[in-house]
Amino acid sequence: MNKGATLIELLISLAISSILILGLYSINLVSAKTSAQTKEDSFCMASIRNSALKLNLDLMQCAYLMPRDMKISTEKNQLFIAGLPYTSRHSGLKLNTDMSPPYLSIIVKSEGSYLGLDTIDIDNNSIPDFWADLGIITDSGPYVISHQYSRGNPTLLLTSKVAAGIGERVIPAIHYELKSDGLYRNGQLLAEAITGFDAKTNPEGLEIYLKASLRGTIKEIFYEYRLQ
């Protein structure tokens, strides 16, 4: 005749089961934490990689039709790279057989946040080379074209007051800026995980610092780019 389990045997079985369940739960927690850490690491590295790739592509085509002394300009958390991005409405600056580089505009009016140019078509191909959210580099420093600017208007509306004077040179530039929600390129979010960005010029070229962070995970990169 089979005996039923005693109270002690039942308690022992419950204790063993509890230990096994606790062990499985701990393993699951560790696995979930490891998986989350891996995803955060990957997301941070992808943000740095995408930002560095876009920066390098813009720097590779930097100002080959522009004045050589106006290739790069920097401000706090901002970088201006001479040139124009390829978009659905613009294929970038092209060498015009009727003109010879460098391509640039000249300031004819400077008042408040407005800057009047002698031309907005610097390569003479009948397509305006300045538009909203793009950067510009002048002899006295960089500026950003306001989002309210209407393309084709020879008077640029900028996001800050103008210190540049009449007769100074002006060229379009690709604008990078670190904001509270990520790194922006020409007014569009490029990488939301980027929380640190700095660019400094040196005699050889440019020093770039990028930091990405997400829920305690931090990845950083510092590198130098030699301008051609």
C-alpha atoms as a PDB file:
ATOM      1  CA  MET A   1       0.000   0.000   0.000  1.00  0.00           C
ATOM      2  CA  ASN A   2       1.535   3.337  -1.112  1.00  0.00           C
ATOM      3  CA  LYS A   3       1.888   5.973   1.506  1.00  0.00           C
ATOM      4  CA  GLY A   4       1.078   9.606   0.800  1.00  0.00           C
ATOM      5  CA  ALA A   5       3.794  12.247   1.006  1.00  0.00           C
ATOM      6  CA  THR A   6       4.538  13.451   4.479  1.00  0.00           C
ATOM      7  CA  LEU A   7       4.465  17.126   5.416  1.00  0.00           C
ATOM      8  CA  ILE A   8       8.269  17.236   5.589  1.00  0.00           C
ATOM      9  CA  GLU A   9       8.623  15.697   2.130  1.00  0.00           C
ATOM     10  CA  LEU A  10       6.115  18.199   0.767  1.00  0.00           C
ATOM     11  CA  LEU A  11       7.979  21.110   2.309  1.00  0.00           C
ATOM     12  CA  ILE A  12      11.275  19.827   0.893  1.00  0.00           C
ATOM     13  CA  SER A  13       9.711  19.502  -2.572  1.00  0.00           C
ATOM     14  CA  LEU A  14       8.359  23.045  -2.358  1.00  0.00           C
ATOM     15  CA  ALA A  15      11.750  24.364  -1.253  1.00  0.00           C
ATOM     16  CA  ILE A  16      13.542  22.629  -4.119  1.00  0.00           C
ATOM     17  CA  SER A  17      10.953  23.888  -6.609  1.00  0.00           C
ATOM     18  CA  SER A  18      11.313  27.425  -5.254  1.00  0.00           C
ATOM     19  CA  ILE A  19      15.088  27.268  -5.611  1.00  0.00           C
ATOM     20  CA  LEU A  20      14.773  26.027  -9.200  1.00  0.00           C
ATOM     21  CA  ILE A  21      12.240  28.742 -10.079  1.00  0.00           C
ATOM     22  CA  LEU A  22      14.411  31.412  -8.442  1.00  0.00           C
ATOM     23  CA  GLY A  23      17.413  30.169 -10.401  1.00  0.00           C
ATOM     24  CA  LEU A  24      15.535  30.252 -13.682  1.00  0.00           C
ATOM     25  CA  TYR A  25      14.231  33.734 -12.870  1.00  0.00           C
ATOM     26  CA  SER A  26      17.754  34.956 -12.106  1.00  0.00           C
ATOM     27  CA  ILE A  27      19.056  33.500 -15.367  1.00  0.00           C
ATOM     28  CA  ASN A  28      16.232  35.198 -17.244  1.00  0.00           C
ATOM     29  CA  LEU A  29      17.025  38.538 -15.591  1.00  0.00           C
ATOM     30  CA  VAL A  30      20.712  38.237 -16.486  1.00  0.00           C
ATOM     31  CA  SER A  31      19.849  37.299 -20.070  1.00  0.00           C
ATOM     32  CA  ALA A  32      17.440  40.215 -20.402  1.00  0.00           C
ATOM     33  CA  LYS A  33      19.993  42.633 -18.947  1.00  0.00           C
ATOM     34  CA  THR A  34      22.732  41.326 -21.249  1.00  0.00           C
ATOM     35  CA  SER A  35      20.426  41.595 -24.255  1.00  0.00           C
ATOM     36  CA  ALA A  36      19.424  45.156 -23.349  1.00  0.00           C
ATOM     37  CA  GLN A  37      23.089  46.127 -22.830  1.00  0.00           C
ATOM     38  CA  THR A  38      24.006  44.658 -26.202  1.00  0.00           C
ATOM     39  CA  LYS A  39      21.206  46.594 -27.910  1.00  0.00           C
ATOM     40  CA  GLU A  40      22.257  49.841 -26.218  1.00  0.00           C
ATOM     41  CA  ASP A  41      25.900  49.292 -27.202  1.00  0.00           C
ATOM     42  CA  SER A  42      24.881  48.577 -30.793  1.00  0.00           C
ATOM     43  CA  PHE A  43      22.583  51.616 -30.956  1.00  0.00           C
ATOM     44  CA  CYS A  44      25.282  53.943 -29.606  1.00  0.00           C
ATOM     45  CA  MET A  45      27.943  52.580 -31.956  1.00  0.00           C
ATOM     46  CA  ALA A  46      25.555  52.786 -34.927  1.00  0.00           C
ATOM     47  CA  SER A  47      24.843  56.451 -34.107  1.00  0.00           C
ATOM     48  CA  ILE A  48      28.565  57.245 -33.953  1.00  0.00           C
ATOM     49  CA  ARG A  49      29.280  55.270 -37.121  1.00  0.00           C
ATOM     50  CA  ASN A  50      26.474  56.939 -39.111  1.00  0.00           C
ATOM     51  CA  SER A  51      27.503  60.404 -37.933  1.00  0.00           C
ATOM     52  CA  ALA A  52      31.190  59.834 -38.708  1.00  0.00           C
ATOM     53  CA  LEU A  53      30.337  58.418 -42.135  1.00  0.00           C
ATOM     54  CA  LYS A  54      28.223  61.441 -43.070  1.00  0.00           C
ATOM     55  CA  LEU A  55      30.878  63.830 -41.747  1.00  0.00           C
ATOM     56  CA  ASN A  56      33.596  62.074 -43.729  1.00  0.00           C
ATOM     57  CA  LEU A  57      31.557  62.136 -46.944  1.00  0.00           C
ATOM     58  CA  ASP A  58      30.920  65.876 -46.549  1.00  0.00           C
ATOM     59  CA  LEU A  59      34.577  66.533 -45.743  1.00  0.00           C
ATOM     60  CA  MET A  60      35.747  64.513 -48.764  1.00  0.00           C
ATOM     61  CA  GLN A  61      33.948  66.875 -51.163  1.00  0.00           C
ATOM     62  CA  CYS A  62      34.745  69.942 -49.062  1.00  0.00           C
ATOM     63  CA  ALA A  63      35.081  73.145 -51.031  1.00  0.00           C
ATOM     64  CA  TYR A  64      36.943  71.966 -54.089  1.00  0.00           C
ATOM     65  CA  LEU A  65      35.160  74.777 -55.957  1.00  0.00           C
ATOM     66  CA  MET A  66      35.316  77.171 -52.989  1.00  0.00           C
ATOM     67  CA  PRO A  67      38.020  79.507 -51.615  1.00  0.00           C
ATOM     68  CA  ARG A  68      40.644  77.334 -49.913  1.00  0.00           C
ATOM     69  CA  ASP A  69      40.787  79.611 -46.853  1.00  0.00           C
ATOM     70  CA  MET A  70      37.052  79.142 -46.182  1.00  0.00           C
ATOM     71  CA  LYS A  71      36.758  75.353 -46.104  1.00  0.00           C
ATOM     72  CA  ILE A  72      35.811  74.931 -42.445  1.00  0.00           C
ATOM     73  CA  SER A  73      34.347  77.061 -39.682  1.00  0.00           C
ATOM     74  CA  THR A  74      33.472  76.014 -36.134  1.00  0.00           C
ATOM     75  CA  GLU A  75      31.340  77.314 -33.298  1.00  0.00           C
ATOM     76  CA  LYS A  76      30.429  75.703 -29.967  1.00  0.00           C
ATOM     77  CA  ASN A  77      28.705  72.379 -30.759  1.00  0.00           C
ATOM     78  CA  GLN A  78      28.598  73.390 -34.441  1.00  0.00           C
ATOM     79  CA  LEU A  79      30.572  72.637 -37.593  1.00  0.00           C
ATOM     80  CA  PHE A  80      30.282  74.307 -40.992  1.00  0.00           C
ATOM     81  CA  ILE A  81      31.739  72.447 -43.993  1.00  0.00           C
ATOM     82  CA  ALA A  82      32.002  74.428 -47.222  1.00  0.00           C
ATOM     83  CA  GLY A  83      29.939  72.936 -50.038  1.00  0.00           C
ATOM     84  CA  LEU A  84      26.437  71.801 -50.825  1.00  0.00           C
ATOM     85  CA  PRO A  85      24.680  68.521 -49.974  1.00  0.00           C
ATOM     86  CA  TYR A  86      23.154  66.359 -52.677  1.00  0.00           C
ATOM     87  CA  THR A  87      19.352  66.539 -52.458  1.00  0.00           C
ATOM     88  CA  SER A  88      16.360  65.720 -54.642  1.00  0.00           C
ATOM     89  CA  ARG A  89      16.327  69.394 -55.708  1.00  0.00           C
ATOM     90  CA  HIS A  90      20.057  70.009 -55.997  1.00  0.00           C
ATOM     91  CA  SER A  91      22.876  67.872 -57.378  1.00  0.00           C
ATOM     92  CA  GLY A  92      25.628  69.865 -55.694  1.00  0.00           C
ATOM     93  CA  LEU A  93      28.005  72.408 -57.175  1.00  0.00           C
ATOM     94  CA  LYS A  94      29.232  71.579 -60.654  1.00  0.00           C
ATOM     95  CA  LEU A  95      32.204  72.894 -62.567  1.00  0.00           C
ATOM     96  CA  ASN A  96      30.849  75.362 -65.117  1.00  0.00           C
ATOM     97  CA  THR A  97      32.829  75.646 -68.346  1.00  0.00           C
ATOM     98  CA  ASP A  98      31.864  79.337 -68.552  1.00  0.00           C
ATOM     99  CA  MET A  99      33.285  80.091 -65.121  1.00  0.00           C
ATOM    100  CA  SER A 100      36.367  79.210 -63.126  1.00  0.00           C
ATOM    101  CA  PRO A 101      36.492  78.513 -59.359  1.00  0.00           C
ATOM    102  CA  PRO A 102      36.335  79.683 -56.680  1.00  0.00           C
ATOM    103  CA  TYR A 103      32.556  80.056 -56.595  1.00  0.00           C
ATOM    104  CA  LEU A 104      31.217  82.598 -54.095  1.00  0.00           C
ATOM    105  CA  SER A 105      28.832  85.490 -53.454  1.00  0.00           C
ATOM    106  CA  ILE A 106      29.574  88.996 -52.220  1.00  0.00           C
ATOM    107  CA  ILE A 107      27.627  90.783 -49.483  1.00  0.00           C
ATOM    108  CA  VAL A 108      25.863  93.891 -50.797  1.00  0.00           C
ATOM    109  CA  LYS A 109      23.563  94.500 -47.806  1.00  0.00           C
ATOM    110  CA  SER A 110      23.930  93.724 -44.111  1.00  0.00           C
ATOM    111  CA  GLU A 111      21.193  94.682 -41.668  1.00  0.00           C
ATOM    112  CA  GLY A 112      19.860  92.958 -38.558  1.00  0.00           C
ATOM    113  CA  SER A 113      19.351  89.291 -39.408  1.00  0.00           C
ATOM    114  CA  TYR A 114      19.309  89.952 -43.153  1.00  0.00           C
ATOM    115  CA  LEU A 115      22.183  89.511 -45.569  1.00  0.00           C
ATOM    116  CA  GLY A 116      21.860  90.654 -49.194  1.00  0.00           C
ATOM    117  CA  LEU A 117      24.010  88.881 -51.796  1.00  0.00           C
ATOM    118  CA  ASP A 118      25.029  89.862 -55.297  1.00  0.00           C
ATOM    119  CA  THR A 119      24.045  86.359 -56.468  1.00  0.00           C
ATOM    120  CA  ILE A 120      22.467  83.226 -55.027  1.00  0.00           C
ATOM    121  CA  ASP A 121      23.583  81.134 -58.030  1.00  0.00           C
ATOM    122  CA  ILE A 122      27.326  80.916 -57.479  1.00  0.00           C
ATOM    123  CA  ASP A 123      28.003  78.318 -60.202  1.00  0.00           C
ATOM    124  CA  ASN A 124      25.763  80.046 -62.754  1.00  0.00           C
ATOM    125  CA  ASN A 125      23.561  77.059 -63.570  1.00  0.00           C
ATOM    126  CA  SER A 126      20.208  78.799 -62.940  1.00  0.00           C
ATOM    127  CA  ILE A 127      19.644  76.909 -59.642  1.00  0.00           C
ATOM    128  CA  PRO A 128      19.749  78.790 -56.301  1.00  0.00           C
ATOM    129  CA  ASP A 129      22.626  77.576 -54.115  1.00  0.00           C
ATOM    130  CA  PHE A 130      21.267  78.824 -50.784  1.00  0.00           C
ATOM    131  CA  TRP A 131      18.218  77.479 -48.960  1.00  0.00           C
ATOM    132  CA  ALA A 132      16.604  77.245 -45.508  1.00  0.00           C
ATOM    133  CA  ASP A 133      18.518  75.494 -42.690  1.00  0.00           C
ATOM    134  CA  LEU A 134      21.744  75.491 -44.698  1.00  0.00           C
ATOM    135  CA  GLY A 135      24.846  77.110 -43.232  1.00  0.00           C
ATOM    136  CA  ILE A 136      26.975  79.828 -44.759  1.00  0.00           C
ATOM    137  CA  ILE A 137      30.580  80.873 -44.167  1.00  0.00           C
ATOM    138  CA  THR A 138      31.614  84.521 -44.465  1.00  0.00           C
ATOM    139  CA  ASP A 139      34.988  86.187 -44.042  1.00  0.00           C
ATOM    140  CA  SER A 140      34.027  87.136 -40.490  1.00  0.00           C
ATOM    141  CA  GLY A 141      32.351  83.885 -39.434  1.00  0.00           C
ATOM    142  CA  PRO A 142      29.562  81.357 -40.007  1.00  0.00           C
ATOM    143  CA  TYR A 143      25.774  81.725 -39.867  1.00  0.00           C
ATOM    144  CA  VAL A 144      22.688  79.552 -40.336  1.00  0.00           C
ATOM    145  CA  ILE A 145      19.933  80.370 -42.820  1.00  0.00           C
ATOM    146  CA  SER A 146      16.556  80.570 -41.101  1.00  0.00           C
ATOM    147  CA  HIS A 147      13.899  77.929 -41.663  1.00  0.00           C
ATOM    148  CA  GLN A 148      11.624  80.830 -42.711  1.00  0.00           C
ATOM    149  CA  TYR A 149      13.845  81.817 -45.649  1.00  0.00           C
ATOM    150  CA  SER A 150      12.228  81.529 -49.096  1.00  0.00           C
ATOM    151  CA  ARG A 151      14.497  79.874 -51.618  1.00  0.00           C
ATOM    152  CA  GLY A 152      15.439  82.137 -54.496  1.00  0.00           C
ATOM    153  CA  ASN A 153      15.396  85.372 -52.527  1.00  0.00           C
ATOM    154  CA  PRO A 154      18.736  87.220 -52.886  1.00  0.00           C
ATOM    155  CA  THR A 155      18.365  88.503 -49.310  1.00  0.00           C
ATOM    156  CA  LEU A 156      19.052  85.728 -46.800  1.00  0.00           C
ATOM    157  CA  LEU A 157      17.184  85.592 -43.494  1.00  0.00           C
ATOM    158  CA  LEU A 158      19.523  84.218 -40.821  1.00  0.00           C
ATOM    159  CA  THR A 159      18.937  82.767 -37.359  1.00  0.00           C
ATOM    160  CA  SER A 160      21.107  85.425 -35.696  1.00  0.00           C
ATOM    161  CA  LYS A 161      22.113  89.030 -36.159  1.00  0.00           C
ATOM    162  CA  VAL A 162      24.676  89.716 -38.857  1.00  0.00           C
ATOM    163  CA  ALA A 163      28.148  90.975 -38.013  1.00  0.00           C
ATOM    164  CA  ALA A 164      29.528  90.433 -41.521  1.00  0.00           C
ATOM    165  CA  GLY A 165      30.076  93.600 -43.534  1.00  0.00           C
ATOM    166  CA  ILE A 166      29.461  94.687 -47.116  1.00  0.00           C
ATOM    167  CA  GLY A 167      32.082  93.360 -49.525  1.00  0.00           C
ATOM    168  CA  GLU A 168      32.776  90.145 -47.603  1.00  0.00           C
ATOM    169  CA  ARG A 169      32.737  86.780 -49.365  1.00  0.00           C
ATOM    170  CA  VAL A 170      29.944  84.269 -48.712  1.00  0.00           C
ATOM    171  CA  ILE A 171      29.753  80.560 -49.545  1.00  0.00           C
ATOM    172  CA  PRO A 172      27.139  77.897 -48.715  1.00  0.00           C
ATOM    173  CA  ALA A 173      28.091  75.297 -46.119  1.00  0.00           C
ATOM    174  CA  ILE A 174      26.765  72.037 -44.688  1.00  0.00           C
ATOM    175  CA  HIS A 175      25.793  72.717 -41.085  1.00  0.00           C
ATOM    176  CA  TYR A 176      26.154  70.264 -38.178  1.00  0.00           C
ATOM    177  CA  GLU A 177      24.784  71.182 -34.756  1.00  0.00           C
ATOM    178  CA  LEU A 178      24.379  69.306 -31.494  1.00  0.00           C
ATOM    179  CA  LYS A 179      20.999  69.919 -29.865  1.00  0.00           C
ATOM    180  CA  SER A 180      19.344  68.486 -26.761  1.00  0.00           C
ATOM    181  CA  ASP A 181      17.775  65.643 -28.747  1.00  0.00           C
ATOM    182  CA  GLY A 182      20.716  64.665 -30.947  1.00  0.00           C
ATOM    183  CA  LEU A 183      23.032  65.689 -33.769  1.00  0.00           C
ATOM    184  CA  TYR A 184      21.445  67.645 -36.633  1.00  0.00           C
ATOM    185  CA  ARG A 185      22.629  68.109 -40.217  1.00  0.00           C
ATOM    186  CA  ASN A 186      21.105  71.044 -42.099  1.00  0.00           C
ATOM    187  CA  GLY A 187      18.147  71.187 -39.732  1.00  0.00           C
ATOM    188  CA  GLN A 188      17.364  67.458 -39.903  1.00  0.00           C
ATOM    189  CA  LEU A 189      18.012  64.968 -37.090  1.00  0.00           C
ATOM    190  CA  LEU A 190      20.944  62.750 -38.023  1.00  0.00           C
ATOM    191  CA  ALA A 191      21.580  60.725 -34.846  1.00  0.00           C
ATOM    192  CA  GLU A 192      19.434  60.997 -31.719  1.00  0.00           C
ATOM    193  CA  ALA A 193      21.864  59.061 -29.494  1.00  0.00           C
ATOM    194  CA  ILE A 194      24.651  61.603 -30.016  1.00  0.00           C
ATOM    195  CA  THR A 195      24.999  63.629 -26.806  1.00  0.00           C
ATOM    196  CA  GLY A 196      28.485  65.049 -27.328  1.00  0.00           C
ATOM    197  CA  PHE A 197      29.932  66.738 -30.402  1.00  0.00           C
ATOM    198  CA  ASP A 198      32.918  69.013 -30.841  1.00  0.00           C
ATOM    199  CA  ALA A 199      35.045  70.059 -33.802  1.00  0.00           C
ATOM    200  CA  LYS A 200      38.275  72.046 -33.692  1.00  0.00           C
ATOM    201  CA  THR A 201      40.590  73.085 -36.472  1.00  0.00           C
ATOM    202  CA  ASN A 202      44.344  72.549 -36.297  1.00  0.00           C
ATOM    203  CA  PRO A 203      47.224  73.195 -38.734  1.00  0.00           C
ATOM    204  CA  GLU A 204      46.700  69.752 -40.308  1.00  0.00           C
ATOM    205  CA  GLY A 205      42.926  69.768 -40.579  1.00  0.00           C
ATOM    206  CA  LEU A 206      40.113  68.982 -38.172  1.00  0.00           C
ATOM    207  CA  GLU A 207      39.721  67.256 -34.787  1.00  0.00           C
ATOM    208  CA  ILE A 208      36.311  65.640 -34.250  1.00  0.00           C
ATOM    209  CA  TYR A 209      34.806  64.285 -31.030  1.00  0.00           C
ATOM    210  CA  LEU A 210      31.595  62.262 -30.895  1.00  0.00           C
ATOM    211  CA  LYS A 211      29.837  60.777 -27.867  1.00  0.00           C
ATOM    212  CA  ALA A 212      26.724  58.605 -27.877  1.00  0.00           C
ATOM    213  CA  SER A 213      24.831  57.625 -24.730  1.00  0.00           C
ATOM    214  CA  LEU A 214      21.693  55.668 -23.935  1.00  0.00           C
ATOM    215  CA  ARG A 215      20.395  54.700 -20.464  1.00  0.00           C
ATOM    216  CA  GLY A 216      23.855  54.739 -18.889  1.00  0.00           C
ATOM    217  CA  THR A 217      25.721  53.235 -21.839  1.00  0.00           C
ATOM    218  CA  ILE A 218      28.370  55.615 -23.194  1.00  0.00           C
ATOM    219  CA  LYS A 219      30.514  55.294 -26.316  1.00  0.00           C
ATOM    220  CA  GLU A 220      33.043  57.886 -27.476  1.00  0.00           C
ATOM    221  CA  ILE A 221      35.339  58.450 -30.424  1.00  0.00           C
ATOM    222  CA  PHE A 222      37.970  61.083 -31.154  1.00  0.00           C
ATOM    223  CA  TYR A 223      39.729  61.298 -34.502  1.00  0.00           C
ATOM    224  CA  GLU A 224      41.553  63.712 -36.783  1.00  0.00           C
ATOM    225  CA  TYR A 225      40.684  64.437 -40.388  1.00  0.00           C
ATOM    226  CA  ARG A 226      43.340  65.878 -42.669  1.00  0.00           C
ATOM    227  CA  LEU A 227      41.867  68.300 -45.154  1.00  0.00           C
ATOM    228  CA  GLN A 228      43.139  68.048 -48.734  1.00  0.00           C
END
